[in-house]
Amino acid sequence: MKEIVKEHPLRPIILRFDLDKPQLDFEKKGLAAHSLMHDLTWDILQQLKQHNQALEEIDFEIAELEYLLLPIEQDLDILEVFLKIKDPSVLPFDKHDEGTEISIDLEDFYKGVIYHNQRIQDLHDDVSKEHQWFSAHFEMIYEKESWINEELWNDIHQIYSNYPEAQVDIVSLDRDQEEFREVLAEVNDLQDNYNEYGEVIFNSFNALHSRSQECYKRAEIINKGLDELK
């Protein structure tokens, strides 16, 4: 028996062979399937990592835009009270603040709204791109259950069914397959985590988008109201 190690970025494939035996077509096909499983899983692993990182960047952007929206909402409340669109009770003041003077730089306010709106549009493009890949990937998973076609497992099974004729040592193949399945399970776990994270991020963006659009509409109404006072 000769041990042959095939280096692979996912994991090394280590098999033993009886080189006195010829390698028949069923075995060549089965070993090719075993190798292809590694290729497919490595490719999916890289894609999941890449898209998970993209979600992390979107997550950071959402948090920043939520933070930037707070002072805009506060100024909107004040301006709406000034224009008598809302009752003063919406403001966080009490009787000790009756003499408080409030000034808002309208130019800075509208610059802030425009800047926020542009950031939302840019982020929307990124979210749409990630959601497109997310949806396509999981539609494939729901349809096929895996990125590994069932026929590949059947090709490998042919080696087990005809092991007396196989050049590869069946014990070493069984061990290597088991170790591959362990790595495959880890990638599946990563996929599950990515799925959950994606749902959270896309819902968070939708909530931020709705909240932002409401603010932009309020800003338009305020702009019209201020123009009527001139």
C-alpha atoms as a PDB file:
ATOM      1  CA  MET A   1       0.000   0.000   0.000  1.00  0.00           C
ATOM      2  CA  LYS A   2       1.217   3.471  -0.844  1.00  0.00           C
ATOM      3  CA  GLU A   3      -0.138   6.548   0.936  1.00  0.00           C
ATOM      4  CA  ILE A   4      -0.755   9.501  -1.352  1.00  0.00           C
ATOM      5  CA  VAL A   5      -1.479  12.969   0.004  1.00  0.00           C
ATOM      6  CA  LYS A   6      -3.305  15.470  -2.204  1.00  0.00           C
ATOM      7  CA  GLU A   7      -3.019  18.946  -0.740  1.00  0.00           C
ATOM      8  CA  HIS A   8      -6.285  20.858  -0.857  1.00  0.00           C
ATOM      9  CA  PRO A   9      -7.138  24.270   0.677  1.00  0.00           C
ATOM     10  CA  LEU A  10     -10.158  22.747   2.437  1.00  0.00           C
ATOM     11  CA  ARG A  11      -8.249  19.824   3.943  1.00  0.00           C
ATOM     12  CA  PRO A  12      -5.572  17.366   2.760  1.00  0.00           C
ATOM     13  CA  ILE A  13      -6.961  14.277   1.027  1.00  0.00           C
ATOM     14  CA  ILE A  14      -4.993  11.279   2.315  1.00  0.00           C
ATOM     15  CA  LEU A  15      -5.622   7.885   0.735  1.00  0.00           C
ATOM     16  CA  ARG A  16      -3.762   4.586   0.433  1.00  0.00           C
ATOM     17  CA  PHE A  17      -3.546   2.640  -2.807  1.00  0.00           C
ATOM     18  CA  ASP A  18      -2.618  -0.865  -3.866  1.00  0.00           C
ATOM     19  CA  LEU A  19      -0.657   0.062  -6.952  1.00  0.00           C
ATOM     20  CA  ASP A  20      -0.555  -3.566  -8.091  1.00  0.00           C
ATOM     21  CA  LYS A  21      -4.222  -3.235  -9.023  1.00  0.00           C
ATOM     22  CA  PRO A  22      -5.451  -1.307 -12.075  1.00  0.00           C
ATOM     23  CA  GLN A  23      -7.704   1.681 -11.440  1.00  0.00           C
ATOM     24  CA  LEU A  24     -11.024   1.015 -13.144  1.00  0.00           C
ATOM     25  CA  ASP A  25     -13.465   3.606 -14.480  1.00  0.00           C
ATOM     26  CA  PHE A  26     -15.927   3.357 -11.556  1.00  0.00           C
ATOM     27  CA  GLU A  27     -13.078   4.144  -9.144  1.00  0.00           C
ATOM     28  CA  LYS A  28     -11.733   7.045 -11.207  1.00  0.00           C
ATOM     29  CA  LYS A  29     -15.240   8.506 -11.288  1.00  0.00           C
ATOM     30  CA  GLY A  30     -15.745   8.010  -7.549  1.00  0.00           C
ATOM     31  CA  LEU A  31     -12.404   9.557  -6.576  1.00  0.00           C
ATOM     32  CA  ALA A  32     -13.049  12.466  -8.929  1.00  0.00           C
ATOM     33  CA  ALA A  33     -16.377  12.977  -7.140  1.00  0.00           C
ATOM     34  CA  HIS A  34     -14.611  12.905  -3.773  1.00  0.00           C
ATOM     35  CA  SER A  35     -12.188  15.580  -4.971  1.00  0.00           C
ATOM     36  CA  LEU A  36     -14.952  17.668  -6.551  1.00  0.00           C
ATOM     37  CA  MET A  37     -16.835  17.683  -3.238  1.00  0.00           C
ATOM     38  CA  HIS A  38     -13.802  19.336  -1.685  1.00  0.00           C
ATOM     39  CA  ASP A  39     -13.654  21.918  -4.501  1.00  0.00           C
ATOM     40  CA  LEU A  40     -17.347  22.770  -4.212  1.00  0.00           C
ATOM     41  CA  THR A  41     -17.245  23.027  -0.422  1.00  0.00           C
ATOM     42  CA  TRP A  42     -14.135  25.209  -0.467  1.00  0.00           C
ATOM     43  CA  ASP A  43     -15.776  27.513  -3.013  1.00  0.00           C
ATOM     44  CA  ILE A  44     -18.942  27.833  -0.925  1.00  0.00           C
ATOM     45  CA  LEU A  45     -16.892  28.431   2.218  1.00  0.00           C
ATOM     46  CA  GLN A  46     -15.080  31.342   0.583  1.00  0.00           C
ATOM     47  CA  GLN A  47     -18.327  32.820  -0.698  1.00  0.00           C
ATOM     48  CA  LEU A  48     -20.026  32.523   2.692  1.00  0.00           C
ATOM     49  CA  LYS A  49     -17.088  34.257   4.378  1.00  0.00           C
ATOM     50  CA  GLN A  50     -17.061  37.004   1.763  1.00  0.00           C
ATOM     51  CA  HIS A  51     -20.772  37.694   1.977  1.00  0.00           C
ATOM     52  CA  ASN A  52     -20.809  37.449   5.758  1.00  0.00           C
ATOM     53  CA  GLN A  53     -18.119  40.134   5.850  1.00  0.00           C
ATOM     54  CA  ALA A  54     -20.235  42.275   3.530  1.00  0.00           C
ATOM     55  CA  LEU A  55     -23.144  41.912   5.981  1.00  0.00           C
ATOM     56  CA  GLU A  56     -20.879  43.015   8.827  1.00  0.00           C
ATOM     57  CA  GLU A  57     -20.004  46.177   6.886  1.00  0.00           C
ATOM     58  CA  ILE A  58     -23.695  46.816   6.216  1.00  0.00           C
ATOM     59  CA  ASP A  59     -24.413  46.246   9.905  1.00  0.00           C
ATOM     60  CA  PHE A  60     -21.891  48.977  10.780  1.00  0.00           C
ATOM     61  CA  GLU A  61     -23.437  51.345   8.223  1.00  0.00           C
ATOM     62  CA  ILE A  62     -26.928  50.750   9.603  1.00  0.00           C
ATOM     63  CA  ALA A  63     -25.765  51.530  13.142  1.00  0.00           C
ATOM     64  CA  GLU A  64     -24.096  54.746  11.983  1.00  0.00           C
ATOM     65  CA  LEU A  65     -27.117  55.898   9.991  1.00  0.00           C
ATOM     66  CA  GLU A  66     -29.419  55.141  12.927  1.00  0.00           C
ATOM     67  CA  TYR A  67     -27.169  57.330  15.072  1.00  0.00           C
ATOM     68  CA  LEU A  68     -27.171  60.159  12.487  1.00  0.00           C
ATOM     69  CA  LEU A  69     -30.962  60.011  12.260  1.00  0.00           C
ATOM     70  CA  LEU A  70     -31.474  60.854  15.945  1.00  0.00           C
ATOM     71  CA  PRO A  71     -30.571  64.583  15.759  1.00  0.00           C
ATOM     72  CA  ILE A  72     -32.585  64.901  12.541  1.00  0.00           C
ATOM     73  CA  GLU A  73     -35.651  63.501  14.321  1.00  0.00           C
ATOM     74  CA  GLN A  74     -35.098  65.835  17.268  1.00  0.00           C
ATOM     75  CA  ASP A  75     -34.891  68.882  14.977  1.00  0.00           C
ATOM     76  CA  LEU A  76     -37.992  67.702  13.124  1.00  0.00           C
ATOM     77  CA  ASP A  77     -39.944  67.586  16.386  1.00  0.00           C
ATOM     78  CA  ILE A  78     -38.852  71.128  17.256  1.00  0.00           C
ATOM     79  CA  LEU A  79     -39.642  72.532  13.807  1.00  0.00           C
ATOM     80  CA  GLU A  80     -43.032  70.806  13.742  1.00  0.00           C
ATOM     81  CA  VAL A  81     -43.896  72.360  17.086  1.00  0.00           C
ATOM     82  CA  PHE A  82     -42.761  75.765  15.769  1.00  0.00           C
ATOM     83  CA  LEU A  83     -45.032  75.382  12.736  1.00  0.00           C
ATOM     84  CA  LYS A  84     -47.862  74.102  14.964  1.00  0.00           C
ATOM     85  CA  ILE A  85     -47.883  70.769  13.162  1.00  0.00           C
ATOM     86  CA  LYS A  86     -47.428  69.063  16.512  1.00  0.00           C
ATOM     87  CA  ASP A  87     -48.257  69.880  20.099  1.00  0.00           C
ATOM     88  CA  PRO A  88     -45.355  71.070  22.322  1.00  0.00           C
ATOM     89  CA  SER A  89     -45.922  67.995  24.465  1.00  0.00           C
ATOM     90  CA  VAL A  90     -43.828  65.980  21.982  1.00  0.00           C
ATOM     91  CA  LEU A  91     -40.727  67.821  23.155  1.00  0.00           C
ATOM     92  CA  PRO A  92     -38.804  66.436  26.150  1.00  0.00           C
ATOM     93  CA  PHE A  93     -39.261  69.608  28.210  1.00  0.00           C
ATOM     94  CA  ASP A  94     -40.893  70.287  31.579  1.00  0.00           C
ATOM     95  CA  LYS A  95     -41.864  73.421  33.505  1.00  0.00           C
ATOM     96  CA  HIS A  96     -38.233  74.155  34.310  1.00  0.00           C
ATOM     97  CA  ASP A  97     -37.466  74.539  30.594  1.00  0.00           C
ATOM     98  CA  GLU A  98     -40.144  77.146  29.823  1.00  0.00           C
ATOM     99  CA  GLY A  99     -37.592  79.888  29.176  1.00  0.00           C
ATOM    100  CA  THR A 100     -35.350  77.745  27.059  1.00  0.00           C
ATOM    101  CA  GLU A 101     -34.435  79.166  23.683  1.00  0.00           C
ATOM    102  CA  ILE A 102     -33.895  76.780  20.804  1.00  0.00           C
ATOM    103  CA  SER A 103     -32.115  77.651  17.596  1.00  0.00           C
ATOM    104  CA  ILE A 104     -31.705  75.449  14.560  1.00  0.00           C
ATOM    105  CA  ASP A 105     -29.418  76.229  11.651  1.00  0.00           C
ATOM    106  CA  LEU A 106     -31.764  75.340   8.783  1.00  0.00           C
ATOM    107  CA  GLU A 107     -28.954  75.144   6.251  1.00  0.00           C
ATOM    108  CA  ASP A 108     -27.110  72.582   8.381  1.00  0.00           C
ATOM    109  CA  PHE A 109     -30.352  70.758   9.054  1.00  0.00           C
ATOM    110  CA  TYR A 110     -31.175  70.281   5.365  1.00  0.00           C
ATOM    111  CA  LYS A 111     -27.571  69.413   4.557  1.00  0.00           C
ATOM    112  CA  GLY A 112     -27.827  66.695   7.187  1.00  0.00           C
ATOM    113  CA  VAL A 113     -31.064  65.354   5.671  1.00  0.00           C
ATOM    114  CA  ILE A 114     -29.603  65.334   2.149  1.00  0.00           C
ATOM    115  CA  TYR A 115     -26.403  63.664   3.343  1.00  0.00           C
ATOM    116  CA  HIS A 116     -28.375  61.004   5.211  1.00  0.00           C
ATOM    117  CA  ASN A 117     -30.607  60.371   2.205  1.00  0.00           C
ATOM    118  CA  GLN A 118     -27.591  59.876  -0.070  1.00  0.00           C
ATOM    119  CA  ARG A 119     -26.013  57.462   2.406  1.00  0.00           C
ATOM    120  CA  ILE A 120     -29.271  55.482   2.560  1.00  0.00           C
ATOM    121  CA  GLN A 121     -29.397  55.255  -1.238  1.00  0.00           C
ATOM    122  CA  ASP A 122     -25.800  54.051  -1.408  1.00  0.00           C
ATOM    123  CA  LEU A 123     -26.443  51.502   1.315  1.00  0.00           C
ATOM    124  CA  HIS A 124     -29.617  50.367  -0.429  1.00  0.00           C
ATOM    125  CA  ASP A 125     -27.527  49.386  -3.456  1.00  0.00           C
ATOM    126  CA  ASP A 126     -25.181  47.327  -1.260  1.00  0.00           C
ATOM    127  CA  VAL A 127     -28.073  45.670   0.576  1.00  0.00           C
ATOM    128  CA  SER A 128     -29.841  44.822  -2.696  1.00  0.00           C
ATOM    129  CA  LYS A 129     -26.678  43.202  -4.050  1.00  0.00           C
ATOM    130  CA  GLU A 130     -26.191  41.097  -0.920  1.00  0.00           C
ATOM    131  CA  HIS A 131     -29.860  40.169  -0.698  1.00  0.00           C
ATOM    132  CA  GLN A 132     -29.777  38.988  -4.318  1.00  0.00           C
ATOM    133  CA  TRP A 133     -26.911  36.570  -3.578  1.00  0.00           C
ATOM    134  CA  PHE A 134     -28.503  35.545  -0.262  1.00  0.00           C
ATOM    135  CA  SER A 135     -31.831  34.706  -1.926  1.00  0.00           C
ATOM    136  CA  ALA A 136     -30.267  32.866  -4.860  1.00  0.00           C
ATOM    137  CA  HIS A 137     -28.040  30.800  -2.578  1.00  0.00           C
ATOM    138  CA  PHE A 138     -30.787  29.668  -0.231  1.00  0.00           C
ATOM    139  CA  GLU A 139     -33.231  29.024  -3.057  1.00  0.00           C
ATOM    140  CA  MET A 140     -30.612  26.611  -4.372  1.00  0.00           C
ATOM    141  CA  ILE A 141     -30.170  25.057  -0.908  1.00  0.00           C
ATOM    142  CA  TYR A 142     -33.927  24.680  -0.361  1.00  0.00           C
ATOM    143  CA  GLU A 143     -34.271  23.049  -3.784  1.00  0.00           C
ATOM    144  CA  LYS A 144     -31.215  20.766  -3.725  1.00  0.00           C
ATOM    145  CA  GLU A 145     -30.531  20.661   0.044  1.00  0.00           C
ATOM    146  CA  SER A 146     -26.801  21.067  -0.613  1.00  0.00           C
ATOM    147  CA  TRP A 147     -24.253  22.479  -3.022  1.00  0.00           C
ATOM    148  CA  ILE A 148     -23.117  18.862  -3.475  1.00  0.00           C
ATOM    149  CA  ASN A 149     -25.164  16.960  -6.028  1.00  0.00           C
ATOM    150  CA  GLU A 150     -26.511  13.632  -4.784  1.00  0.00           C
ATOM    151  CA  GLU A 151     -24.978  11.919  -7.821  1.00  0.00           C
ATOM    152  CA  LEU A 152     -21.501  12.620  -6.437  1.00  0.00           C
ATOM    153  CA  TRP A 153     -22.285  10.601  -3.310  1.00  0.00           C
ATOM    154  CA  ASN A 154     -23.583   7.812  -5.547  1.00  0.00           C
ATOM    155  CA  ASP A 155     -20.349   7.850  -7.548  1.00  0.00           C
ATOM    156  CA  ILE A 156     -18.340   7.376  -4.355  1.00  0.00           C
ATOM    157  CA  HIS A 157     -20.700   4.636  -3.191  1.00  0.00           C
ATOM    158  CA  GLN A 158     -19.781   2.655  -6.285  1.00  0.00           C
ATOM    159  CA  ILE A 159     -16.271   2.282  -4.871  1.00  0.00           C
ATOM    160  CA  TYR A 160     -17.678   0.815  -1.645  1.00  0.00           C
ATOM    161  CA  SER A 161     -19.943  -1.508  -3.651  1.00  0.00           C
ATOM    162  CA  ASN A 162     -16.997  -2.797  -5.667  1.00  0.00           C
ATOM    163  CA  TYR A 163     -14.220  -2.464  -3.108  1.00  0.00           C
ATOM    164  CA  PRO A 164     -12.491  -5.825  -3.909  1.00  0.00           C
ATOM    165  CA  GLU A 165     -11.691  -4.459  -7.367  1.00  0.00           C
ATOM    166  CA  ALA A 166     -10.699  -0.972  -6.179  1.00  0.00           C
ATOM    167  CA  GLN A 167      -7.125   0.198  -6.093  1.00  0.00           C
ATOM    168  CA  VAL A 168      -7.864   2.586  -3.223  1.00  0.00           C
ATOM    169  CA  ASP A 169      -7.836   1.144   0.286  1.00  0.00           C
ATOM    170  CA  ILE A 170     -11.461   1.241   1.390  1.00  0.00           C
ATOM    171  CA  VAL A 171     -10.550   1.869   5.044  1.00  0.00           C
ATOM    172  CA  SER A 172      -8.532   4.953   4.127  1.00  0.00           C
ATOM    173  CA  LEU A 173     -11.336   6.193   1.861  1.00  0.00           C
ATOM    174  CA  ASP A 174     -13.886   5.701   4.631  1.00  0.00           C
ATOM    175  CA  ARG A 175     -11.695   7.628   7.072  1.00  0.00           C
ATOM    176  CA  ASP A 176     -11.097  10.430   4.570  1.00  0.00           C
ATOM    177  CA  GLN A 177     -14.795  10.655   3.788  1.00  0.00           C
ATOM    178  CA  GLU A 178     -15.616  10.864   7.484  1.00  0.00           C
ATOM    179  CA  GLU A 179     -13.116  13.676   8.012  1.00  0.00           C
ATOM    180  CA  PHE A 180     -14.569  15.482   5.004  1.00  0.00           C
ATOM    181  CA  ARG A 181     -18.068  15.149   6.446  1.00  0.00           C
ATOM    182  CA  GLU A 182     -16.856  16.809   9.652  1.00  0.00           C
ATOM    183  CA  VAL A 183     -15.563  19.793   7.682  1.00  0.00           C
ATOM    184  CA  LEU A 184     -18.772  19.791   5.636  1.00  0.00           C
ATOM    185  CA  ALA A 185     -20.789  20.007   8.875  1.00  0.00           C
ATOM    186  CA  GLU A 186     -18.726  23.017   9.973  1.00  0.00           C
ATOM    187  CA  VAL A 187     -19.428  24.782   6.671  1.00  0.00           C
ATOM    188  CA  ASN A 188     -23.127  23.978   7.053  1.00  0.00           C
ATOM    189  CA  ASP A 189     -23.045  25.531  10.529  1.00  0.00           C
ATOM    190  CA  LEU A 190     -21.434  28.642   9.067  1.00  0.00           C
ATOM    191  CA  GLN A 191     -24.161  28.712   6.441  1.00  0.00           C
ATOM    192  CA  ASP A 192     -26.863  28.512   9.124  1.00  0.00           C
ATOM    193  CA  ASN A 193     -25.256  31.385  11.042  1.00  0.00           C
ATOM    194  CA  TYR A 194     -25.016  33.433   7.848  1.00  0.00           C
ATOM    195  CA  ASN A 195     -28.690  32.755   7.152  1.00  0.00           C
ATOM    196  CA  GLU A 196     -29.751  34.001  10.586  1.00  0.00           C
ATOM    197  CA  TYR A 197     -27.436  37.017  10.412  1.00  0.00           C
ATOM    198  CA  GLY A 198     -28.722  37.929   6.968  1.00  0.00           C
ATOM    199  CA  GLU A 199     -32.340  37.891   8.113  1.00  0.00           C
ATOM    200  CA  VAL A 200     -31.458  40.214  11.005  1.00  0.00           C
ATOM    201  CA  ILE A 201     -29.502  42.630   8.803  1.00  0.00           C
ATOM    202  CA  PHE A 202     -32.111  42.827   6.044  1.00  0.00           C
ATOM    203  CA  ASN A 203     -34.888  43.417   8.585  1.00  0.00           C
ATOM    204  CA  SER A 204     -32.780  46.080  10.311  1.00  0.00           C
ATOM    205  CA  PHE A 205     -32.188  47.883   7.037  1.00  0.00           C
ATOM    206  CA  ASN A 206     -35.883  47.759   6.117  1.00  0.00           C
ATOM    207  CA  ALA A 207     -36.756  49.289   9.484  1.00  0.00           C
ATOM    208  CA  LEU A 208     -34.109  51.996   9.058  1.00  0.00           C
ATOM    209  CA  HIS A 209     -35.251  52.693   5.497  1.00  0.00           C
ATOM    210  CA  SER A 210     -38.895  53.114   6.559  1.00  0.00           C
ATOM    211  CA  ARG A 211     -37.917  55.344   9.473  1.00  0.00           C
ATOM    212  CA  SER A 212     -35.677  57.452   7.223  1.00  0.00           C
ATOM    213  CA  GLN A 213     -38.317  57.865   4.510  1.00  0.00           C
ATOM    214  CA  GLU A 214     -40.753  59.100   7.137  1.00  0.00           C
ATOM    215  CA  CYS A 215     -38.212  61.715   8.245  1.00  0.00           C
ATOM    216  CA  TYR A 216     -37.598  62.883   4.686  1.00  0.00           C
ATOM    217  CA  LYS A 217     -41.356  63.341   4.173  1.00  0.00           C
ATOM    218  CA  ARG A 218     -41.579  65.324   7.397  1.00  0.00           C
ATOM    219  CA  ALA A 219     -38.668  67.504   6.243  1.00  0.00           C
ATOM    220  CA  GLU A 220     -40.481  68.240   2.953  1.00  0.00           C
ATOM    221  CA  ILE A 221     -43.621  69.310   4.829  1.00  0.00           C
ATOM    222  CA  ILE A 222     -41.550  71.542   7.104  1.00  0.00           C
ATOM    223  CA  ASN A 223     -39.801  73.096   4.111  1.00  0.00           C
ATOM    224  CA  LYS A 224     -43.161  73.981   2.579  1.00  0.00           C
ATOM    225  CA  GLY A 225     -44.386  75.363   5.892  1.00  0.00           C
ATOM    226  CA  LEU A 226     -41.329  77.578   6.314  1.00  0.00           C
ATOM    227  CA  ASP A 227     -41.685  78.857   2.740  1.00  0.00           C
ATOM    228  CA  GLU A 228     -45.264  79.911   3.499  1.00  0.00           C
ATOM    229  CA  LEU A 229     -44.037  81.983   6.460  1.00  0.00           C
ATOM    230  CA  LYS A 230     -41.693  84.049   4.284  1.00  0.00           C
END
